[in-house]
Amino acid sequence: MGTTALDRTLAALADPTRRAILERLAAGEATVQELAKTFPVSQPAISKHLKVLERAGLVVRRRRAQWRPVGLRAEPLREVSEWLDGYRRLWEGRLDRLEALLRETQASEPSVPRGEE
């Protein structure tokens, strides 16, 4: 995933309405009109959100006769997850080292009986 694709995906996910649209589409395809009924924004606003999601590759629009459903494309989400996994592993490693250091420090300190602190 190139930096520009990652940037587009993260920018699209930054908006709570767009994240909510993706959550709705995870349950199945929907038309713009169906989505507009679900959210407290206008149909043109939903269309603008969908354009951002489409440019990021997160949704795809289909044409079935008069029906034009929008569906979820999860591939960019998997790619973001893989990118974030690198940071998760980094922080888990750091926390494991911190935990080991704390145990080592506690083991080397003389114990103080309660009440004599």
N, C-alpha and C. Protein backbone atom coordinates (compact mmCIF):
# COMPACT_ATOMS: atom_id res chain seq x y z
N MET A 1 0.87 -1.18 0.00
CA MET A 1 0.00 0.00 0.00
C MET A 1 0.90 1.23 0.00
N GLY A 2 0.78 2.07 -1.00
CA GLY A 2 1.59 3.27 -1.08
C GLY A 2 1.17 4.28 -0.04
N THR A 3 2.05 5.22 0.23
CA THR A 3 1.76 6.24 1.22
C THR A 3 0.51 7.02 0.86
N THR A 4 0.32 7.33 -0.42
CA THR A 4 -0.86 8.11 -0.80
C THR A 4 -2.13 7.31 -0.56
N ALA A 5 -2.13 6.01 -0.81
CA ALA A 5 -3.31 5.19 -0.54
C ALA A 5 -3.59 5.12 0.96
N LEU A 6 -2.53 4.96 1.74
CA LEU A 6 -2.69 4.94 3.19
C LEU A 6 -3.22 6.27 3.69
N ASP A 7 -2.69 7.37 3.15
CA ASP A 7 -3.15 8.70 3.54
C ASP A 7 -4.64 8.88 3.22
N ARG A 8 -5.04 8.46 2.03
CA ARG A 8 -6.46 8.59 1.64
C ARG A 8 -7.36 7.76 2.55
N THR A 9 -6.91 6.55 2.87
CA THR A 9 -7.71 5.68 3.72
C THR A 9 -7.85 6.26 5.11
N LEU A 10 -6.73 6.70 5.70
CA LEU A 10 -6.79 7.27 7.05
C LEU A 10 -7.60 8.56 7.08
N ALA A 11 -7.47 9.38 6.04
CA ALA A 11 -8.26 10.62 5.98
C ALA A 11 -9.75 10.30 5.89
N ALA A 12 -10.09 9.28 5.11
CA ALA A 12 -11.50 8.90 5.00
C ALA A 12 -12.04 8.39 6.33
N LEU A 13 -11.21 7.66 7.06
CA LEU A 13 -11.63 7.10 8.35
C LEU A 13 -11.67 8.14 9.46
N ALA A 14 -11.09 9.31 9.24
CA ALA A 14 -11.04 10.34 10.28
C ALA A 14 -12.41 10.93 10.60
N ASP A 15 -13.35 10.80 9.70
CA ASP A 15 -14.67 11.40 9.90
C ASP A 15 -15.63 10.38 10.52
N PRO A 16 -16.31 10.74 11.62
CA PRO A 16 -17.22 9.78 12.27
C PRO A 16 -18.40 9.36 11.40
N THR A 17 -18.90 10.26 10.56
CA THR A 17 -20.02 9.88 9.67
C THR A 17 -19.55 8.84 8.66
N ARG A 18 -18.36 9.02 8.12
CA ARG A 18 -17.85 8.03 7.15
C ARG A 18 -17.61 6.69 7.82
N ARG A 19 -17.10 6.71 9.06
CA ARG A 19 -16.92 5.43 9.77
C ARG A 19 -18.27 4.77 10.01
N ALA A 20 -19.27 5.55 10.35
CA ALA A 20 -20.62 5.00 10.57
C ALA A 20 -21.19 4.44 9.26
N ILE A 21 -20.94 5.10 8.15
CA ILE A 21 -21.39 4.59 6.85
C ILE A 21 -20.74 3.23 6.59
N LEU A 22 -19.45 3.11 6.86
CA LEU A 22 -18.78 1.83 6.66
C LEU A 22 -19.37 0.75 7.57
N GLU A 23 -19.68 1.11 8.81
CA GLU A 23 -20.31 0.14 9.71
C GLU A 23 -21.65 -0.32 9.15
N ARG A 24 -22.42 0.63 8.62
CA ARG A 24 -23.71 0.26 8.04
C ARG A 24 -23.52 -0.65 6.83
N LEU A 25 -22.55 -0.32 5.98
CA LEU A 25 -22.31 -1.12 4.77
C LEU A 25 -21.73 -2.50 5.10
N ALA A 26 -21.16 -2.67 6.28
CA ALA A 26 -20.67 -3.99 6.69
C ALA A 26 -21.84 -4.97 6.82
N ALA A 27 -23.03 -4.44 7.06
CA ALA A 27 -24.23 -5.28 7.16
C ALA A 27 -24.81 -5.62 5.79
N GLY A 28 -24.37 -4.93 4.75
CA GLY A 28 -24.86 -5.18 3.40
C GLY A 28 -24.96 -3.90 2.58
N GLU A 29 -25.09 -4.09 1.28
CA GLU A 29 -25.16 -2.94 0.37
C GLU A 29 -26.37 -2.07 0.68
N ALA A 30 -26.26 -0.81 0.28
CA ALA A 30 -27.35 0.15 0.48
C ALA A 30 -27.25 1.21 -0.61
N THR A 31 -28.37 1.82 -0.92
CA THR A 31 -28.38 2.93 -1.86
C THR A 31 -28.10 4.23 -1.10
N VAL A 32 -27.83 5.28 -1.84
CA VAL A 32 -27.60 6.59 -1.21
C VAL A 32 -28.84 7.00 -0.43
N GLN A 33 -30.01 6.76 -1.01
CA GLN A 33 -31.26 7.12 -0.32
C GLN A 33 -31.41 6.36 0.99
N GLU A 34 -31.09 5.06 0.97
CA GLU A 34 -31.18 4.27 2.20
C GLU A 34 -30.21 4.79 3.25
N LEU A 35 -29.01 5.14 2.83
CA LEU A 35 -28.03 5.68 3.77
C LEU A 35 -28.47 7.03 4.32
N ALA A 36 -29.03 7.86 3.47
CA ALA A 36 -29.47 9.20 3.89
C ALA A 36 -30.56 9.10 4.96
N LYS A 37 -31.40 8.07 4.90
CA LYS A 37 -32.44 7.88 5.92
C LYS A 37 -31.84 7.52 7.28
N THR A 38 -30.66 6.92 7.26
CA THR A 38 -30.03 6.42 8.47
C THR A 38 -29.29 7.52 9.23
N PHE A 39 -28.85 8.56 8.53
CA PHE A 39 -27.99 9.58 9.14
C PHE A 39 -28.68 10.94 9.14
N PRO A 40 -28.36 11.78 10.13
CA PRO A 40 -28.98 13.10 10.22
C PRO A 40 -28.32 14.14 9.31
N VAL A 41 -27.99 13.74 8.08
CA VAL A 41 -27.42 14.66 7.10
C VAL A 41 -28.18 14.49 5.79
N SER A 42 -28.01 15.45 4.90
CA SER A 42 -28.74 15.44 3.64
C SER A 42 -28.18 14.37 2.69
N GLN A 43 -28.97 14.06 1.67
CA GLN A 43 -28.53 13.11 0.66
C GLN A 43 -27.28 13.61 -0.08
N PRO A 44 -27.19 14.91 -0.43
CA PRO A 44 -25.95 15.39 -1.05
C PRO A 44 -24.74 15.23 -0.13
N ALA A 45 -24.93 15.41 1.18
CA ALA A 45 -23.82 15.23 2.12
C ALA A 45 -23.38 13.77 2.14
N ILE A 46 -24.33 12.85 2.12
CA ILE A 46 -24.01 11.41 2.07
C ILE A 46 -23.24 11.12 0.79
N SER A 47 -23.67 11.70 -0.33
CA SER A 47 -22.97 11.49 -1.60
C SER A 47 -21.53 11.98 -1.53
N LYS A 48 -21.31 13.12 -0.87
CA LYS A 48 -19.95 13.63 -0.72
C LYS A 48 -19.10 12.69 0.13
N HIS A 49 -19.67 12.20 1.21
CA HIS A 49 -18.96 11.24 2.05
C HIS A 49 -18.62 9.98 1.25
N LEU A 50 -19.57 9.53 0.45
CA LEU A 50 -19.32 8.33 -0.36
C LEU A 50 -18.22 8.55 -1.39
N LYS A 51 -18.13 9.76 -1.93
CA LYS A 51 -17.05 10.05 -2.88
C LYS A 51 -15.68 9.94 -2.21
N VAL A 52 -15.59 10.44 -0.98
CA VAL A 52 -14.33 10.34 -0.23
C VAL A 52 -14.00 8.86 0.02
N LEU A 53 -15.00 8.10 0.45
CA LEU A 53 -14.80 6.67 0.72
C LEU A 53 -14.44 5.92 -0.55
N GLU A 54 -15.05 6.32 -1.66
CA GLU A 54 -14.77 5.67 -2.95
C GLU A 54 -13.34 5.97 -3.41
N ARG A 55 -12.90 7.22 -3.28
CA ARG A 55 -11.52 7.58 -3.65
C ARG A 55 -10.50 6.82 -2.80
N ALA A 56 -10.86 6.53 -1.57
CA ALA A 56 -9.98 5.77 -0.69
C ALA A 56 -10.06 4.26 -0.96
N GLY A 57 -10.97 3.87 -1.83
CA GLY A 57 -11.12 2.46 -2.17
C GLY A 57 -11.91 1.67 -1.14
N LEU A 58 -12.59 2.35 -0.23
CA LEU A 58 -13.31 1.67 0.83
C LEU A 58 -14.72 1.24 0.44
N VAL A 59 -15.27 1.86 -0.59
CA VAL A 59 -16.60 1.45 -1.08
C VAL A 59 -16.55 1.35 -2.60
N VAL A 60 -17.51 0.62 -3.11
CA VAL A 60 -17.65 0.49 -4.55
C VAL A 60 -19.13 0.69 -4.89
N ARG A 61 -19.37 1.40 -5.96
CA ARG A 61 -20.75 1.62 -6.43
C ARG A 61 -21.02 0.68 -7.59
N ARG A 62 -22.17 0.05 -7.55
CA ARG A 62 -22.57 -0.86 -8.61
C ARG A 62 -23.80 -0.32 -9.31
N ARG A 63 -24.11 -0.88 -10.43
CA ARG A 63 -25.33 -0.48 -11.13
C ARG A 63 -26.10 -1.75 -11.46
N ARG A 64 -27.29 -1.84 -10.94
CA ARG A 64 -28.19 -2.96 -11.21
C ARG A 64 -29.53 -2.38 -11.64
N ALA A 65 -29.70 -2.31 -12.93
CA ALA A 65 -30.90 -1.68 -13.51
C ALA A 65 -31.03 -0.26 -12.94
N GLN A 66 -32.12 0.02 -12.28
CA GLN A 66 -32.32 1.35 -11.69
C GLN A 66 -31.72 1.47 -10.29
N TRP A 67 -31.34 0.36 -9.74
CA TRP A 67 -30.82 0.34 -8.38
C TRP A 67 -29.31 0.51 -8.42
N ARG A 68 -28.77 1.44 -7.66
CA ARG A 68 -27.32 1.70 -7.63
C ARG A 68 -26.80 1.52 -6.21
N PRO A 69 -26.58 0.28 -5.81
CA PRO A 69 -26.12 0.04 -4.44
C PRO A 69 -24.65 0.39 -4.23
N VAL A 70 -24.33 0.71 -3.00
CA VAL A 70 -22.96 0.97 -2.58
C VAL A 70 -22.57 -0.18 -1.67
N GLY A 71 -21.39 -0.73 -1.90
CA GLY A 71 -20.93 -1.84 -1.08
C GLY A 71 -19.57 -1.55 -0.46
N LEU A 72 -19.28 -2.25 0.59
CA LEU A 72 -18.02 -2.11 1.33
C LEU A 72 -16.91 -2.87 0.62
N ARG A 73 -15.73 -2.26 0.56
CA ARG A 73 -14.49 -2.92 0.10
C ARG A 73 -13.55 -2.90 1.30
N ALA A 74 -13.32 -4.03 1.89
CA ALA A 74 -12.57 -4.08 3.15
C ALA A 74 -11.05 -4.13 2.96
N GLU A 75 -10.55 -4.35 1.76
CA GLU A 75 -9.11 -4.49 1.53
C GLU A 75 -8.30 -3.32 2.12
N PRO A 76 -8.66 -2.07 1.88
CA PRO A 76 -7.87 -0.98 2.48
C PRO A 76 -7.87 -1.02 4.01
N LEU A 77 -8.94 -1.52 4.62
CA LEU A 77 -8.97 -1.63 6.08
C LEU A 77 -7.97 -2.67 6.56
N ARG A 78 -7.85 -3.76 5.82
CA ARG A 78 -6.87 -4.79 6.17
C ARG A 78 -5.46 -4.22 6.07
N GLU A 79 -5.23 -3.42 5.04
CA GLU A 79 -3.91 -2.83 4.85
C GLU A 79 -3.57 -1.83 5.96
N VAL A 80 -4.56 -1.07 6.41
CA VAL A 80 -4.34 -0.16 7.54
C VAL A 80 -4.05 -0.98 8.80
N SER A 81 -4.79 -2.05 8.99
CA SER A 81 -4.58 -2.92 10.14
C SER A 81 -3.17 -3.49 10.15
N GLU A 82 -2.68 -3.92 9.00
CA GLU A 82 -1.31 -4.44 8.91
C GLU A 82 -0.29 -3.35 9.23
N TRP A 83 -0.54 -2.14 8.77
CA TRP A 83 0.36 -1.02 9.06
C TRP A 83 0.39 -0.75 10.56
N LEU A 84 -0.80 -0.77 11.20
CA LEU A 84 -0.89 -0.52 12.64
C LEU A 84 -0.28 -1.66 13.45
N ASP A 85 -0.32 -2.88 12.92
CA ASP A 85 0.25 -4.03 13.63
C ASP A 85 1.74 -3.83 13.92
N GLY A 86 2.45 -3.18 13.02
CA GLY A 86 3.86 -2.90 13.27
C GLY A 86 4.05 -2.06 14.51
N TYR A 87 3.19 -1.08 14.71
CA TYR A 87 3.27 -0.24 15.90
C TYR A 87 2.81 -0.98 17.14
N ARG A 88 1.80 -1.84 16.98
CA ARG A 88 1.34 -2.66 18.11
C ARG A 88 2.48 -3.54 18.60
N ARG A 89 3.18 -4.21 17.68
CA ARG A 89 4.31 -5.06 18.06
C ARG A 89 5.41 -4.25 18.73
N LEU A 90 5.68 -3.06 18.21
CA LEU A 90 6.69 -2.19 18.81
C LEU A 90 6.35 -1.88 20.26
N TRP A 91 5.12 -1.44 20.52
CA TRP A 91 4.74 -1.05 21.87
C TRP A 91 4.62 -2.25 22.80
N GLU A 92 4.16 -3.38 22.28
CA GLU A 92 4.12 -4.58 23.12
C GLU A 92 5.52 -4.97 23.54
N GLY A 93 6.49 -4.89 22.63
CA GLY A 93 7.88 -5.19 22.96
C GLY A 93 8.42 -4.24 24.01
N ARG A 94 8.11 -2.97 23.86
CA ARG A 94 8.57 -1.98 24.84
C ARG A 94 7.95 -2.23 26.21
N LEU A 95 6.65 -2.53 26.22
CA LEU A 95 5.98 -2.79 27.50
C LEU A 95 6.49 -4.06 28.15
N ASP A 96 6.80 -5.09 27.34
CA ASP A 96 7.39 -6.32 27.89
C ASP A 96 8.74 -6.03 28.54
N ARG A 97 9.56 -5.19 27.89
CA ARG A 97 10.87 -4.83 28.46
C ARG A 97 10.70 -4.02 29.74
N LEU A 98 9.72 -3.13 29.77
CA LEU A 98 9.45 -2.33 30.97
C LEU A 98 9.00 -3.24 32.11
N GLU A 99 8.13 -4.18 31.81
CA GLU A 99 7.65 -5.11 32.83
C GLU A 99 8.82 -5.93 33.39
N ALA A 100 9.70 -6.41 32.53
CA ALA A 100 10.87 -7.17 32.98
C ALA A 100 11.77 -6.31 33.86
N LEU A 101 11.97 -5.06 33.47
CA LEU A 101 12.79 -4.15 34.27
C LEU A 101 12.17 -3.90 35.64
N LEU A 102 10.86 -3.73 35.69
CA LEU A 102 10.18 -3.51 36.98
C LEU A 102 10.31 -4.73 37.88
N ARG A 103 10.14 -5.91 37.30
CA ARG A 103 10.29 -7.14 38.10
C ARG A 103 11.71 -7.26 38.64
N GLU A 104 12.68 -6.96 37.78
CA GLU A 104 14.09 -7.03 38.17
C GLU A 104 14.37 -6.03 39.30
N THR A 105 13.84 -4.82 39.17
CA THR A 105 14.04 -3.78 40.18
C THR A 105 13.38 -4.19 41.50
N GLN A 106 12.17 -4.71 41.44
CA GLN A 106 11.46 -5.12 42.65
C GLN A 106 12.16 -6.29 43.32
N ALA A 107 12.72 -7.20 42.53
CA ALA A 107 13.41 -8.37 43.09
C ALA A 107 14.70 -7.95 43.78
N SER A 108 15.34 -6.90 43.33
CA SER A 108 16.62 -6.48 43.91
C SER A 108 16.45 -5.55 45.11
N GLU A 109 15.26 -5.02 45.34
CA GLU A 109 15.03 -4.15 46.49
C GLU A 109 14.79 -4.98 47.73
N PRO A 110 15.37 -4.56 48.87
CA PRO A 110 15.09 -5.30 50.11
C PRO A 110 13.64 -5.11 50.49
N SER A 111 13.04 -6.17 50.99
CA SER A 111 11.64 -6.06 51.39
C SER A 111 11.54 -5.37 52.74
N VAL A 112 10.55 -4.52 52.89
CA VAL A 112 10.34 -3.78 54.13
C VAL A 112 9.09 -4.34 54.78
N PRO A 113 9.18 -4.79 56.05
CA PRO A 113 8.00 -5.32 56.70
C PRO A 113 6.92 -4.24 56.79
N ARG A 114 5.68 -4.67 56.74
CA ARG A 114 4.55 -3.72 56.83
C ARG A 114 4.60 -2.98 58.17
N GLY A 115 4.27 -1.74 58.11
CA GLY A 115 4.25 -0.91 59.31
C GLY A 115 5.58 -0.19 59.56
N GLU A 116 6.63 -0.61 58.88
CA GLU A 116 7.93 0.04 59.06
C GLU A 116 8.29 0.90 57.86
N GLU A 117 7.34 1.24 57.06
CA GLU A 117 7.61 1.98 55.81
C GLU A 117 7.92 3.41 56.05
